[in-house]
Protein backbone atom coordinates (compact mmCIF):
# COMPACT_ATOMS: atom_id res chain seq x y z
CA MET A 1 -13.74 1.20 30.09
CA THR A 2 -14.30 -1.84 27.14
CA SER A 3 -16.99 -3.50 29.78
CA LEU A 4 -18.86 -0.53 30.14
CA MET A 5 -18.68 0.15 25.96
CA ASN A 6 -20.40 -3.41 25.67
CA LYS A 7 -22.71 -3.26 28.82
CA MET A 8 -23.99 0.36 26.51
CA ARG A 9 -24.35 -1.09 23.55
CA LYS A 10 -26.44 -4.31 24.81
CA ALA A 11 -28.57 -1.41 26.45
CA ARG A 12 -28.92 0.28 23.26
CA GLU A 13 -29.99 -2.77 21.34
CA TRP A 14 -32.52 -4.10 24.06
CA ALA A 15 -34.26 -0.90 23.78
CA THR A 16 -34.38 -0.57 20.20
CA PRO A 17 -37.78 -2.38 18.64
CA THR A 18 -37.18 -4.87 15.97
CA LEU A 19 -37.63 -3.28 12.22
CA LYS A 20 -41.40 -4.66 11.12
CA ASP A 21 -41.50 -3.02 7.81
CA SER A 22 -39.44 -3.29 5.21
CA ALA A 23 -37.01 -0.42 4.25
CA PHE A 24 -34.30 -2.24 1.90
CA LEU A 25 -34.73 0.40 -1.12
CA LYS A 26 -35.67 3.22 1.31
CA ARG A 27 -32.49 3.83 3.78
CA GLY A 28 -30.57 0.44 2.45
CA VAL A 29 -31.55 -1.56 5.71
CA LEU A 30 -33.45 -5.01 6.56
CA THR A 31 -35.77 -6.58 8.91
CA PRO A 32 -34.50 -9.81 10.40
CA GLU A 33 -36.70 -12.01 8.30
CA GLU A 34 -35.12 -9.95 5.36
CA PHE A 35 -31.60 -10.38 6.83
CA VAL A 36 -32.81 -14.43 6.71
CA LYS A 37 -34.11 -14.12 3.24
CA ALA A 38 -30.73 -12.69 2.03
CA GLY A 39 -28.56 -15.04 4.00
CA ASP A 40 -30.13 -18.30 2.58
CA GLU A 41 -29.65 -17.03 -0.56
CA LEU A 42 -25.72 -16.74 0.56
CA VAL A 43 -25.52 -20.12 1.35
CA TYR A 44 -27.44 -21.49 -1.82
CA LYS A 45 -25.29 -19.51 -3.86
CA CYS A 46 -22.24 -20.11 -2.14
CA PRO A 47 -21.49 -23.10 0.06
CA THR A 48 -18.80 -21.68 1.93
CA TRP A 49 -21.13 -19.86 3.51
CA THR A 50 -23.51 -21.31 6.27
CA TRP A 51 -25.65 -20.66 8.99
CA GLU A 52 -24.41 -20.99 12.75
CA SER A 53 -26.70 -21.22 15.92
CA GLY A 54 -24.02 -19.95 18.24
CA ASP A 55 -24.44 -20.50 22.18
CA PRO A 56 -27.78 -21.07 23.77
CA SER A 57 -27.13 -18.29 25.77
CA LYS A 58 -26.51 -15.64 23.50
CA ARG A 59 -29.52 -16.19 20.62
CA LYS A 60 -31.47 -13.43 19.29
CA LYS A 61 -35.13 -14.26 20.01
CA TYR A 62 -36.01 -12.45 16.72
CA LEU A 63 -34.15 -14.38 14.79
CA PRO A 64 -34.55 -18.05 14.13
CA ASP A 65 -32.35 -20.38 16.88
CA ASP A 66 -30.72 -22.45 13.59
CA LYS A 67 -30.07 -19.27 12.15
CA GLN A 68 -27.92 -16.63 14.09
CA PHE A 69 -25.40 -15.72 12.15
CA LEU A 70 -23.73 -16.45 9.04
CA VAL A 71 -20.22 -17.92 8.88
CA THR A 72 -17.00 -18.86 6.27
CA ARG A 73 -14.02 -20.33 7.61
CA ASN A 74 -10.18 -21.18 6.53
CA VAL A 75 -10.07 -18.04 4.21
CA PRO A 76 -7.08 -17.88 2.52
CA CYS A 77 -5.24 -14.18 3.10
CA PRO A 78 -2.77 -14.40 0.94
CA THR A 79 -0.83 -10.71 0.89
CA ARG A 80 -1.01 -7.46 3.53
CA ALA A 81 -3.45 -4.79 2.49
CA SER A 82 -0.97 -2.52 2.80
CA THR A 83 1.11 -4.06 -0.59
CA LEU A 84 -2.20 -3.35 -2.58
CA GLU A 85 -2.41 0.60 -0.86
CA ASN A 86 0.50 1.34 -3.40
CA SER A 87 -1.67 0.17 -6.45
CA VAL A 88 -4.25 2.55 -4.93
CA ALA A 89 -6.13 4.34 -8.60
CA THR A 90 -6.05 8.11 -9.20
CA GLY A 91 -9.04 8.73 -8.78
CA GLU A 92 -11.08 7.05 -5.38
CA GLN A 93 -14.90 6.62 -4.96
CA SER A 94 -16.86 8.17 -1.92
CA ALA A 95 -20.17 7.60 -1.17
CA GLN A 96 -22.11 10.58 -0.84
CA ILE A 97 -24.29 9.95 1.87
CA GLY A 98 -25.10 13.27 2.95
CA ASP A 99 -26.89 14.46 5.92
CA GLU A 100 -27.90 10.58 6.82
CA CYS A 101 -24.59 9.85 8.15
CA GLY A 102 -23.22 13.93 9.42
CA ASP A 103 -21.86 14.51 5.93
CA ASP A 104 -19.03 12.30 6.34
CA ASP A 105 -18.03 10.28 3.15
CA TRP A 106 -17.50 6.70 3.21
CA LEU A 107 -14.13 5.57 1.32
CA VAL A 108 -14.51 3.41 -1.57
CA SER A 109 -11.08 2.74 -2.45
CA ARG A 110 -10.87 1.48 -6.34
CA MET A 111 -7.70 -1.13 -6.49
CA ILE A 112 -5.41 -2.67 -9.22
CA SER A 113 -5.56 -5.99 -8.71
CA PRO A 114 -2.05 -7.81 -9.35
CA GLU A 115 -3.71 -9.35 -12.64
CA GLU A 116 -4.38 -5.82 -13.47
CA GLN A 117 -0.66 -4.52 -12.74
CA GLN A 118 0.89 -7.71 -14.95
CA ARG A 119 -1.62 -6.99 -17.75
CA ARG A 120 -0.66 -3.22 -17.63
CA MET A 121 3.17 -4.00 -17.94
CA ASP A 122 2.89 -6.53 -20.67
CA GLU A 123 1.27 -3.44 -23.15
CA GLN A 124 3.86 -1.87 -21.85
CA LEU A 125 6.44 -3.79 -23.27
CA ALA A 126 4.78 -4.96 -26.35
CA GLU A 127 4.82 -1.13 -27.13
CA GLU A 128 8.25 -1.26 -26.54
CA PHE A 129 8.95 -4.01 -29.00
CA ASP A 130 6.41 -2.43 -31.55
CA ILE A 131 8.61 0.88 -31.43
CA LEU A 132 11.48 -1.25 -32.07
CA ASP A 133 10.46 -3.22 -35.10
CA MET A 134 9.23 0.02 -36.40
CA GLU A 135 12.93 1.21 -35.88
CA ASP A 136 14.37 -1.48 -37.59
CA GLY A 137 12.01 -1.34 -40.48
CA ASP A 138 13.12 2.42 -41.35
CA GLU A 139 16.90 1.32 -42.25
CA ASP A 140 18.02 2.90 -45.60
CA PRO A 141 18.18 0.07 -48.11
CA GLU A 142 21.40 0.26 -49.95
CA LYS A 143 23.14 0.63 -46.10
CA ALA A 144 21.20 -3.04 -45.09
CA GLY A 145 22.94 -4.51 -48.61
CA ASP A 146 26.26 -2.99 -47.95
CA ALA A 147 26.20 -4.51 -44.58
CA LYS A 148 24.67 -7.83 -46.02
CA VAL A 149 28.49 -8.11 -48.42
CA ASP A 150 30.16 -7.49 -44.97
CA GLN A 151 28.89 -9.66 -43.11
CA ASP A 152 29.21 -12.46 -45.83
CA ALA A 153 32.62 -11.93 -46.22
CA LYS A 154 33.14 -11.69 -42.55
CA ASP A 155 30.90 -15.53 -41.73
CA GLY A 156 33.67 -16.73 -44.70
CA ASP A 157 36.63 -15.92 -42.38
CA ASP A 158 34.69 -17.42 -39.21
CA GLU A 159 33.91 -20.57 -41.06
CA THR A 160 38.02 -21.09 -41.48
CA ASP A 161 38.97 -20.04 -38.08
CA MET A 162 36.00 -22.67 -36.93
CA LYS A 163 37.58 -25.41 -38.50
CA VAL A 164 40.81 -24.69 -37.02
CA ALA A 165 39.49 -24.69 -33.62
CA ALA A 166 37.62 -27.81 -34.13
CA VAL A 167 40.64 -30.17 -34.70
CA ASN A 168 42.52 -28.15 -31.84
CA GLN A 169 39.91 -29.28 -29.35
CA GLU A 170 39.51 -32.78 -30.49
CA GLU A 171 43.26 -33.01 -30.08
CA GLU A 172 42.94 -31.54 -26.34
CA GLU A 173 39.82 -33.93 -25.26
CA ASP A 174 41.91 -37.04 -26.56
CA ASP A 175 44.51 -36.01 -23.64
CA GLU A 176 41.84 -35.51 -21.21
CA TYR A 177 40.58 -38.62 -21.57
CA ALA A 178 43.55 -40.40 -21.50
CA ASP A 179 44.17 -38.37 -18.25
CA MET A 180 40.55 -39.45 -16.89
CA GLU A 181 41.70 -43.33 -16.73
CA GLU A 182 44.41 -42.69 -14.09
CA PHE A 183 41.67 -41.88 -11.34
CA GLU A 184 40.45 -44.52 -9.17
CA ASP A 185 36.82 -45.71 -9.37
CA GLU A 186 36.29 -45.74 -5.04
CA ASN A 187 37.53 -42.08 -5.43
CA VAL A 188 34.72 -41.08 -7.91
CA MET A 189 32.68 -42.86 -5.91
CA GLU A 190 32.75 -40.97 -3.01
CA ASP A 191 32.93 -37.67 -5.10
CA GLU A 192 29.39 -38.96 -5.80
CA ALA A 193 28.56 -39.84 -2.14
CA VAL A 194 29.58 -36.30 -1.27
CA ILE A 195 27.50 -34.39 -4.09
CA THR A 196 24.70 -36.34 -4.04
CA THR A 197 24.22 -35.89 0.02
CA SER A 198 25.43 -31.99 -0.08
CA ALA A 199 22.21 -31.70 -3.06
CA THR A 200 19.85 -33.30 -0.70
CA ALA A 201 20.80 -31.57 2.24
CA GLY A 202 20.58 -28.24 -0.02
CA GLY A 203 16.83 -29.55 -1.52
CA ASN A 204 15.80 -30.17 1.99
CA THR A 205 16.79 -26.45 3.17
CA MET A 206 15.69 -24.85 0.59
CA LEU A 207 12.20 -26.64 0.50
CA SER A 208 12.23 -25.55 4.14
CA ASP A 209 12.95 -22.21 3.29
CA ASN A 210 10.19 -21.68 0.50
CA ILE A 211 7.29 -22.89 2.83
CA VAL A 212 4.70 -19.86 2.79
CA LYS A 213 2.26 -20.29 5.33
CA THR A 214 -0.59 -18.24 4.74
CA ARG A 215 -3.17 -16.30 6.85
CA THR A 216 -6.40 -17.43 7.04
CA TYR A 217 -9.58 -15.75 8.50
CA ASP A 218 -13.10 -16.78 9.99
CA LEU A 219 -15.25 -14.56 8.73
CA SER A 220 -19.12 -13.81 10.15
CA ILE A 221 -21.82 -11.75 9.37
CA CYS A 222 -24.47 -10.54 12.02
CA TYR A 223 -27.50 -9.06 12.23
CA ASP A 224 -27.48 -5.61 14.07
CA LYS A 225 -30.98 -5.02 15.83
CA TYR A 226 -29.58 -1.48 16.51
CA TYR A 227 -28.26 -0.42 13.05
CA GLN A 228 -30.66 -2.62 11.14
CA THR A 229 -27.72 -3.87 8.86
CA PRO A 230 -25.72 -6.86 8.93
CA ARG A 231 -22.20 -6.26 10.52
CA VAL A 232 -19.46 -8.34 9.60
CA TYR A 233 -16.68 -10.08 12.36
CA LEU A 234 -13.52 -11.47 11.39
CA ILE A 235 -10.79 -13.65 13.49
CA GLY A 236 -7.41 -14.59 11.68
CA TYR A 237 -5.02 -17.18 12.22
CA ALA A 238 -1.11 -17.35 11.10
CA SER A 239 -2.17 -20.32 8.44
CA SER A 240 -5.06 -22.74 8.29
CA ASP A 241 -3.03 -25.41 10.85
CA SER A 242 -2.37 -23.10 13.83
CA SER A 243 -4.95 -22.74 16.58
CA GLN A 244 -3.31 -19.44 18.01
CA PRO A 245 -5.56 -16.27 16.82
CA LEU A 246 -3.61 -13.23 15.66
CA THR A 247 -3.16 -9.76 17.56
CA GLY A 248 -5.50 -6.79 16.83
CA ASP A 249 -2.41 -5.13 15.46
CA GLU A 250 -1.45 -8.12 13.07
CA MET A 251 -5.21 -8.40 11.91
CA PHE A 252 -5.17 -4.55 11.24
CA GLN A 253 -2.14 -5.12 8.95
CA ASP A 254 -4.77 -6.82 6.34
CA VAL A 255 -7.11 -3.90 6.55
CA MET A 256 -6.81 -0.68 4.59
CA SER A 257 -4.69 1.74 6.29
CA ASP A 258 -8.26 4.48 5.69
CA TYR A 259 -9.59 2.07 8.03
CA ALA A 260 -8.13 0.38 10.86
CA ASN A 261 -9.09 1.77 14.34
CA ARG A 262 -11.36 4.31 12.87
CA THR A 263 -14.09 1.54 10.68
CA VAL A 264 -12.57 -0.90 11.83
CA THR A 265 -12.10 -1.86 15.68
CA ILE A 266 -11.44 -4.41 18.36
CA ASP A 267 -14.79 -5.84 19.87
CA PRO A 268 -16.23 -8.88 21.84
CA HIS A 269 -18.78 -11.16 18.92
CA PRO A 270 -22.15 -11.14 19.71
CA HIS A 271 -22.10 -15.22 19.38
CA VAL A 272 -18.36 -16.36 19.29
CA SER A 273 -16.19 -16.37 22.32
CA GLY A 274 -12.98 -14.17 21.90
CA PRO A 275 -11.94 -10.69 20.73
CA HIS A 276 -12.82 -10.05 16.80
CA ALA A 277 -12.02 -7.47 14.40
CA SER A 278 -15.53 -5.77 13.61
CA ILE A 279 -16.19 -3.04 10.81
CA HIS A 280 -18.59 -0.45 12.71
CA PRO A 281 -21.70 -0.79 10.55
CA CYS A 282 -22.54 2.90 11.86
CA GLN A 283 -22.86 3.99 7.67
CA HIS A 284 -24.00 0.43 6.15
CA GLY A 285 -27.19 1.27 5.42
CA ALA A 286 -26.37 4.57 4.09
CA VAL A 287 -23.91 3.25 1.60
CA MET A 288 -25.97 0.19 0.98
CA LYS A 289 -29.37 3.13 0.03
CA THR A 290 -26.84 4.85 -2.39
CA ILE A 291 -25.84 1.49 -4.13
CA VAL A 292 -29.19 -0.05 -4.28
CA ARG A 293 -30.27 3.34 -5.96
CA ASN A 294 -27.45 3.32 -8.56
CA LEU A 295 -28.45 -0.22 -9.23
CA SER A 296 -32.20 0.24 -9.72
CA LYS A 297 -31.16 3.47 -12.34
CA THR A 298 -29.10 1.22 -13.98
CA ALA A 299 -32.07 -1.30 -14.24
CA GLU A 300 -34.13 1.03 -15.39
CA GLY A 301 -32.23 2.23 -17.93
CA ASP A 302 -31.36 -1.16 -19.76
CA GLU A 303 -35.41 -2.16 -19.07
CA GLY A 304 -33.95 -4.63 -16.17
CA LYS A 305 -34.90 -6.10 -12.60
CA PRO A 306 -33.51 -3.60 -9.86
CA PRO A 307 -32.29 -5.38 -6.64
CA SER A 308 -34.17 -7.48 -4.71
CA VAL A 309 -33.81 -8.51 -0.78
CA GLU A 310 -31.98 -11.56 -1.80
CA MET A 311 -28.82 -9.58 -3.39
CA TYR A 312 -28.60 -7.36 -0.27
CA LEU A 313 -25.86 -9.85 1.13
CA PHE A 314 -23.79 -9.78 -2.46
CA ILE A 315 -24.00 -6.30 -2.53
CA PHE A 316 -23.28 -5.52 1.07
CA LEU A 317 -19.70 -8.27 0.91
CA LYS A 318 -18.82 -6.51 -2.43
CA PHE A 319 -18.17 -2.89 -0.81
CA VAL A 320 -16.80 -4.94 2.10
CA SER A 321 -13.88 -5.94 0.38
CA SER A 322 -12.85 -2.45 -0.47
CA ILE A 323 -11.95 -2.24 3.52
CA ILE A 324 -10.30 -5.66 3.60
CA PRO A 325 -9.34 -6.85 -0.45
CA THR A 326 -6.77 -9.46 0.23
CA ILE A 327 -8.80 -11.55 2.26
CA ASN A 328 -10.67 -13.77 -0.75
CA TYR A 329 -13.89 -14.53 0.44
CA ASP A 330 -16.92 -15.91 -1.66
CA PHE A 331 -19.31 -13.64 -2.54
CA THR A 332 -19.46 -15.13 -6.73
CA MET A 333 -22.08 -12.76 -8.27
CA ASP A 334 -20.17 -10.19 -9.99
CA VAL A 335 -22.02 -6.82 -8.68
CA THR A 336 -20.98 -2.98 -9.95
CA ALA A 337 -22.29 -0.36 -8.80
CA SER A 338 -21.45 3.31 -8.48
CA THR A 339 -21.38 4.80 -5.06
CA GLU A 340 -21.93 8.59 -6.51
CA LYS A 341 -25.14 10.11 -5.71
C-alpha cells in the first residue's frame, strides 16, 4: 500500500507543471527559483543550514544540482512535546484559511515556554512577599513596643543560660579529646581509606546516573513541486553519538499531538534513504498567504517594507515550530505575525 502511494505521488508530481510566475503574495507559494533564493538567505543568516546535492539519481531537474534541498544536523531536542502541551495558552490561534483548503483551520498553538513559566512563578512569589510585608507594616505600635520589652527580658535570661552551657561544653570537649588519644593511628587510616573508596564509588555511580542523553534530529527542507511550497522532513536519533534512528512512534513523541499521524506522517525522503517524519504541505501555501498578508498590513501601518521572498523560509520555520516546538533548530529572525483573517 505504501509503495503504491509513493508511486502515485511521483506520478502526480511528474504531471504537475513547474510554477514559473511568482505567486508569493497572492497564494503563499514559491517557484523553484524563489525557493533557491529563500534558501540562500537562510544559509547566509543561519550557517547551521546548508545546501545538499543528494543522490544524483534522485535530483530534480528544476533545481540546481548543488541546491536540491536544505539540511541542518544534530539539532537538540531536550524534552518531549507532551511536556509543553500541559502549558498551552488558553487562547489557541487558528489560521482561518477558508475555501482554499476545504474550510479547515490550521491550528497554531501558542506555547508558554519554560522561561515564561518561571517568570510567572517568580512574579507570583514576589506578590506573596509583598502581602506579608504589608501585614507586618500594619502591626500596632504599642503592641510592638510591649513585645520589645518582653523580648529584651527574655534575651537577658538566655544570655545567662548560654554562659553556663558554654562552660559545660568545654569540659565535655576536653574529655572527648582525651578519649581520642586511645585510638591507634592505623585504625584511623583504615577507616579513612574505606570512606574514600566508598565516596569514590558512589560518585561514579551518581555521575553515570546523571548523564542525560539528549535526542537529536536532522531536519531537511525540500521543494514540493505539486504543492509548490517547502516541505520539512526530519529523522531523530537517541543522542548525538547514536547511529540508530528513532522509530516513528518515538519521533511522534516530539510532535504536538494535534498533528501526529495527521499533519505529520512517516514518509520516504525524496533525496535520502530511510523513512522520515514529514510535515504534510497541503495547507502550507494557505497558512503562509495569511501570515504574509498580515505582515504586509503591519508593514503598511508602520510605513515599513512588506515581507520579501527572501524572508519566506524564516516565516515558514517559525510557523513549523508550533508543530515541533521542542526541536531547537535555528531560524534566527524574530518573526511575529497573526494567523487570523
